[in-house]
């Protein structure tokens, strides 16, 4: 195989770029987190997880307030929010990689040591979120069926938080 020729000036420029890159790496390494801090992939996974939970909470909270009688039933709003929760819930399946078990997180170690239990609770939550979205898509009256379905989602959230979220 024949390689293209490289000029001396290009090689000098490339070498300068490599040297500059190495110096930059050393400068960044001095500002790097402590050795036991979470690696970048863990920090990113935790940030994604927090964002998903923030969006789920922001969308389910008004449904919970309706369920508790704090706000009147608004069919269009409940449906929109239930559909959002049903959309977001499956994103949690990939939001707890092993690498994210430590760092700036409230996730308890039991998520990873009791993974089958955690995964089952997550699946139940996802199923209940979909069932709620489907129900309010068909029945927009705030019926007892709505109350039961919304309460199941709320119970799933509470149960998982009790077992797997540090206070």
C-alpha atoms as a PDB file:
ATOM      1  CA  UNK A   1       0.000   0.000   0.000  1.00  0.00           C
ATOM      2  CA  UNK A   2       1.287   3.439  -0.859  1.00  0.00           C
ATOM      3  CA  UNK A   3       0.915   6.310   1.590  1.00  0.00           C
ATOM      4  CA  UNK A   4       0.712   9.913   0.469  1.00  0.00           C
ATOM      5  CA  UNK A   5       3.791  11.995   1.121  1.00  0.00           C
ATOM      6  CA  UNK A   6       3.673  14.393   4.017  1.00  0.00           C
ATOM      7  CA  UNK A   7       5.420  17.726   3.840  1.00  0.00           C
ATOM      8  CA  UNK A   8       7.706  18.822   6.644  1.00  0.00           C
ATOM      9  CA  UNK A   9       5.613  21.936   7.283  1.00  0.00           C
ATOM     10  CA  UNK A  10       2.434  19.849   7.637  1.00  0.00           C
ATOM     11  CA  UNK A  11       4.242  17.472   9.983  1.00  0.00           C
ATOM     12  CA  UNK A  12       5.505  20.404  12.078  1.00  0.00           C
ATOM     13  CA  UNK A  13       1.999  21.889  12.233  1.00  0.00           C
ATOM     14  CA  UNK A  14       0.495  18.534  13.160  1.00  0.00           C
ATOM     15  CA  UNK A  15       3.165  18.018  15.794  1.00  0.00           C
ATOM     16  CA  UNK A  16       2.382  21.467  17.197  1.00  0.00           C
ATOM     17  CA  UNK A  17      -1.281  20.573  17.329  1.00  0.00           C
ATOM     18  CA  UNK A  18      -0.504  17.335  19.149  1.00  0.00           C
ATOM     19  CA  UNK A  19       1.702  19.205  21.615  1.00  0.00           C
ATOM     20  CA  UNK A  20      -0.989  21.840  22.162  1.00  0.00           C
ATOM     21  CA  UNK A  21      -3.523  19.054  22.696  1.00  0.00           C
ATOM     22  CA  UNK A  22      -1.284  17.368  25.241  1.00  0.00           C
ATOM     23  CA  UNK A  23      -0.777  20.639  27.143  1.00  0.00           C
ATOM     24  CA  UNK A  24      -4.539  21.242  27.114  1.00  0.00           C
ATOM     25  CA  UNK A  25      -5.119  17.739  28.435  1.00  0.00           C
ATOM     26  CA  UNK A  26      -2.675  18.327  31.267  1.00  0.00           C
ATOM     27  CA  UNK A  27      -4.338  21.631  32.146  1.00  0.00           C
ATOM     28  CA  UNK A  28      -7.757  19.984  32.189  1.00  0.00           C
ATOM     29  CA  UNK A  29      -6.418  17.050  34.193  1.00  0.00           C
ATOM     30  CA  UNK A  30      -5.332  19.450  36.923  1.00  0.00           C
ATOM     31  CA  UNK A  31      -8.944  20.670  37.179  1.00  0.00           C
ATOM     32  CA  UNK A  32     -10.360  17.157  36.935  1.00  0.00           C
ATOM     33  CA  UNK A  33     -12.618  15.874  39.709  1.00  0.00           C
ATOM     34  CA  UNK A  34     -11.237  13.826  42.574  1.00  0.00           C
ATOM     35  CA  UNK A  35     -10.430  10.186  41.762  1.00  0.00           C
ATOM     36  CA  UNK A  36     -13.556   8.883  43.527  1.00  0.00           C
ATOM     37  CA  UNK A  37     -15.887  11.359  41.785  1.00  0.00           C
ATOM     38  CA  UNK A  38     -18.285   9.879  39.268  1.00  0.00           C
ATOM     39  CA  UNK A  39     -16.895   9.522  35.730  1.00  0.00           C
ATOM     40  CA  UNK A  40     -18.424  11.689  32.974  1.00  0.00           C
ATOM     41  CA  UNK A  41     -20.640   8.859  31.681  1.00  0.00           C
ATOM     42  CA  UNK A  42     -22.083   8.372  35.170  1.00  0.00           C
ATOM     43  CA  UNK A  43     -22.698  12.094  35.601  1.00  0.00           C
ATOM     44  CA  UNK A  44     -24.470  12.220  32.253  1.00  0.00           C
ATOM     45  CA  UNK A  45     -26.653   9.207  33.090  1.00  0.00           C
ATOM     46  CA  UNK A  46     -27.603  10.791  36.414  1.00  0.00           C
ATOM     47  CA  UNK A  47     -28.414  14.118  34.746  1.00  0.00           C
ATOM     48  CA  UNK A  48     -30.611  12.373  32.179  1.00  0.00           C
ATOM     49  CA  UNK A  49     -32.356  10.403  34.917  1.00  0.00           C
ATOM     50  CA  UNK A  50     -33.017  13.567  36.935  1.00  0.00           C
ATOM     51  CA  UNK A  51     -34.387  15.320  33.855  1.00  0.00           C
ATOM     52  CA  UNK A  52     -36.782  12.464  33.107  1.00  0.00           C
ATOM     53  CA  UNK A  53     -38.020  12.422  36.702  1.00  0.00           C
ATOM     54  CA  UNK A  54     -38.413  16.218  36.700  1.00  0.00           C
ATOM     55  CA  UNK A  55     -40.591  16.014  33.595  1.00  0.00           C
ATOM     56  CA  UNK A  56     -42.617  13.096  34.935  1.00  0.00           C
ATOM     57  CA  UNK A  57     -43.192  14.927  38.222  1.00  0.00           C
ATOM     58  CA  UNK A  58     -44.130  18.179  36.490  1.00  0.00           C
ATOM     59  CA  UNK A  59     -46.711  16.321  34.423  1.00  0.00           C
ATOM     60  CA  UNK A  60     -48.097  13.946  37.039  1.00  0.00           C
ATOM     61  CA  UNK A  61     -48.310  16.472  39.891  1.00  0.00           C
ATOM     62  CA  UNK A  62     -51.338  18.292  38.367  1.00  0.00           C
ATOM     63  CA  UNK A  63     -53.046  14.930  37.820  1.00  0.00           C
ATOM     64  CA  UNK A  64     -52.434  14.114  41.480  1.00  0.00           C
ATOM     65  CA  UNK A  65     -53.846  17.494  42.501  1.00  0.00           C
ATOM     66  CA  UNK A  66     -56.955  16.748  40.450  1.00  0.00           C
ATOM     67  CA  UNK A  67     -57.181  13.307  42.031  1.00  0.00           C
ATOM     68  CA  UNK A  68     -56.969  14.892  45.502  1.00  0.00           C
ATOM     69  CA  UNK A  69     -59.677  17.416  44.635  1.00  0.00           C
ATOM     70  CA  UNK A  70     -57.295  20.395  44.826  1.00  0.00           C
ATOM     71  CA  UNK A  71     -57.990  21.366  41.215  1.00  0.00           C
ATOM     72  CA  UNK A  72     -61.013  20.717  38.994  1.00  0.00           C
ATOM     73  CA  UNK A  73     -60.885  17.953  36.396  1.00  0.00           C
ATOM     74  CA  UNK A  74     -59.816  19.393  33.025  1.00  0.00           C
ATOM     75  CA  UNK A  75     -60.108  16.574  30.499  1.00  0.00           C
ATOM     76  CA  UNK A  76     -57.759  18.084  27.898  1.00  0.00           C
ATOM     77  CA  UNK A  77     -55.077  18.909  30.472  1.00  0.00           C
ATOM     78  CA  UNK A  78     -55.301  15.514  32.184  1.00  0.00           C
ATOM     79  CA  UNK A  79     -55.083  13.721  28.850  1.00  0.00           C
ATOM     80  CA  UNK A  80     -52.077  15.777  27.721  1.00  0.00           C
ATOM     81  CA  UNK A  81     -50.243  15.171  30.984  1.00  0.00           C
ATOM     82  CA  UNK A  82     -51.102  11.460  31.159  1.00  0.00           C
ATOM     83  CA  UNK A  83     -49.822  10.994  27.594  1.00  0.00           C
ATOM     84  CA  UNK A  84     -46.595  12.755  28.512  1.00  0.00           C
ATOM     85  CA  UNK A  85     -46.052  10.543  31.560  1.00  0.00           C
ATOM     86  CA  UNK A  86     -46.758   7.450  29.437  1.00  0.00           C
ATOM     87  CA  UNK A  87     -44.213   8.703  26.880  1.00  0.00           C
ATOM     88  CA  UNK A  88     -41.538   9.498  29.481  1.00  0.00           C
ATOM     89  CA  UNK A  89     -41.904   6.395  31.662  1.00  0.00           C
ATOM     90  CA  UNK A  90     -40.171   3.981  29.228  1.00  0.00           C
ATOM     91  CA  UNK A  91     -37.144   6.291  29.079  1.00  0.00           C
ATOM     92  CA  UNK A  92     -36.405   5.244  32.664  1.00  0.00           C
ATOM     93  CA  UNK A  93     -35.579   1.711  31.507  1.00  0.00           C
ATOM     94  CA  UNK A  94     -32.160   2.927  30.334  1.00  0.00           C
ATOM     95  CA  UNK A  95     -31.730   5.625  32.991  1.00  0.00           C
ATOM     96  CA  UNK A  96     -30.109   3.415  35.632  1.00  0.00           C
ATOM     97  CA  UNK A  97     -26.946   1.942  34.087  1.00  0.00           C
ATOM     98  CA  UNK A  98     -24.565   0.311  36.559  1.00  0.00           C
ATOM     99  CA  UNK A  99     -22.066   3.122  36.107  1.00  0.00           C
ATOM    100  CA  UNK A 100     -24.571   5.598  37.603  1.00  0.00           C
ATOM    101  CA  UNK A 101     -24.832   3.909  40.991  1.00  0.00           C
ATOM    102  CA  UNK A 102     -22.747   6.624  42.653  1.00  0.00           C
ATOM    103  CA  UNK A 103     -22.286  10.325  42.256  1.00  0.00           C
ATOM    104  CA  UNK A 104     -24.758  13.172  42.672  1.00  0.00           C
ATOM    105  CA  UNK A 105     -27.795  10.938  42.937  1.00  0.00           C
ATOM    106  CA  UNK A 106     -30.477  10.032  45.436  1.00  0.00           C
ATOM    107  CA  UNK A 107     -30.746   6.546  43.960  1.00  0.00           C
ATOM    108  CA  UNK A 108     -30.190   3.959  46.681  1.00  0.00           C
ATOM    109  CA  UNK A 109     -27.706   1.125  46.108  1.00  0.00           C
ATOM    110  CA  UNK A 110     -30.661  -1.282  46.409  1.00  0.00           C
ATOM    111  CA  UNK A 111     -31.580  -0.429  42.812  1.00  0.00           C
ATOM    112  CA  UNK A 112     -28.513  -2.366  41.699  1.00  0.00           C
ATOM    113  CA  UNK A 113     -28.412  -4.980  44.457  1.00  0.00           C
ATOM    114  CA  UNK A 114     -32.137  -5.786  44.055  1.00  0.00           C
ATOM    115  CA  UNK A 115     -32.327  -5.135  40.336  1.00  0.00           C
ATOM    116  CA  UNK A 116     -35.129  -7.602  39.571  1.00  0.00           C
ATOM    117  CA  UNK A 117     -37.405  -5.975  42.162  1.00  0.00           C
ATOM    118  CA  UNK A 118     -36.554  -2.502  40.888  1.00  0.00           C
ATOM    119  CA  UNK A 119     -37.110  -3.504  37.252  1.00  0.00           C
ATOM    120  CA  UNK A 120     -40.479  -5.048  38.141  1.00  0.00           C
ATOM    121  CA  UNK A 121     -41.613  -1.893  39.941  1.00  0.00           C
ATOM    122  CA  UNK A 122     -40.469   0.202  37.008  1.00  0.00           C
ATOM    123  CA  UNK A 123     -42.364  -2.025  34.556  1.00  0.00           C
ATOM    124  CA  UNK A 124     -45.518  -1.820  36.690  1.00  0.00           C
ATOM    125  CA  UNK A 125     -45.231   1.981  36.744  1.00  0.00           C
ATOM    126  CA  UNK A 126     -44.795   2.066  32.971  1.00  0.00           C
ATOM    127  CA  UNK A 127     -47.816  -0.213  32.454  1.00  0.00           C
ATOM    128  CA  UNK A 128     -49.974   1.868  34.789  1.00  0.00           C
ATOM    129  CA  UNK A 129     -48.868   5.098  33.067  1.00  0.00           C
ATOM    130  CA  UNK A 130     -49.917   3.683  29.685  1.00  0.00           C
ATOM    131  CA  UNK A 131     -53.214   2.401  31.117  1.00  0.00           C
ATOM    132  CA  UNK A 132     -53.963   5.866  32.549  1.00  0.00           C
ATOM    133  CA  UNK A 133     -53.204   7.579  29.229  1.00  0.00           C
ATOM    134  CA  UNK A 134     -55.393   5.103  27.341  1.00  0.00           C
ATOM    135  CA  UNK A 135     -58.232   5.487  29.831  1.00  0.00           C
ATOM    136  CA  UNK A 136     -58.320   9.284  29.757  1.00  0.00           C
ATOM    137  CA  UNK A 137     -58.169   9.123  25.959  1.00  0.00           C
ATOM    138  CA  UNK A 138     -61.460   7.199  26.005  1.00  0.00           C
ATOM    139  CA  UNK A 139     -63.129   8.492  29.167  1.00  0.00           C
ATOM    140  CA  UNK A 140     -62.705  12.193  29.785  1.00  0.00           C
ATOM    141  CA  UNK A 141     -65.119  12.475  32.696  1.00  0.00           C
ATOM    142  CA  UNK A 142     -62.939  12.139  35.768  1.00  0.00           C
ATOM    143  CA  UNK A 143     -64.723   8.893  36.562  1.00  0.00           C
ATOM    144  CA  UNK A 144     -63.956   6.386  39.280  1.00  0.00           C
ATOM    145  CA  UNK A 145     -61.922   4.500  36.669  1.00  0.00           C
ATOM    146  CA  UNK A 146     -59.766   7.620  36.215  1.00  0.00           C
ATOM    147  CA  UNK A 147     -59.321   7.929  39.964  1.00  0.00           C
ATOM    148  CA  UNK A 148     -58.299   4.275  40.245  1.00  0.00           C
ATOM    149  CA  UNK A 149     -55.855   4.482  37.326  1.00  0.00           C
ATOM    150  CA  UNK A 150     -54.291   7.747  38.512  1.00  0.00           C
ATOM    151  CA  UNK A 151     -54.030   6.421  42.076  1.00  0.00           C
ATOM    152  CA  UNK A 152     -52.185   3.337  40.767  1.00  0.00           C
ATOM    153  CA  UNK A 153     -49.577   5.547  39.072  1.00  0.00           C
ATOM    154  CA  UNK A 154     -49.208   7.644  42.216  1.00  0.00           C
ATOM    155  CA  UNK A 155     -48.848   4.513  44.341  1.00  0.00           C
ATOM    156  CA  UNK A 156     -46.149   3.222  41.969  1.00  0.00           C
ATOM    157  CA  UNK A 157     -44.211   6.471  42.334  1.00  0.00           C
ATOM    158  CA  UNK A 158     -44.507   6.484  46.112  1.00  0.00           C
ATOM    159  CA  UNK A 159     -43.565   2.809  46.467  1.00  0.00           C
ATOM    160  CA  UNK A 160     -40.472   3.130  44.325  1.00  0.00           C
ATOM    161  CA  UNK A 161     -39.392   6.299  46.126  1.00  0.00           C
ATOM    162  CA  UNK A 162     -39.801   4.601  49.501  1.00  0.00           C
ATOM    163  CA  UNK A 163     -37.729   1.596  48.447  1.00  0.00           C
ATOM    164  CA  UNK A 164     -35.174   3.055  46.080  1.00  0.00           C
ATOM    165  CA  UNK A 165     -34.768   6.810  46.666  1.00  0.00           C
ATOM    166  CA  UNK A 166     -32.722   8.310  49.493  1.00  0.00           C
ATOM    167  CA  UNK A 167     -34.388  11.122  51.350  1.00  0.00           C
END
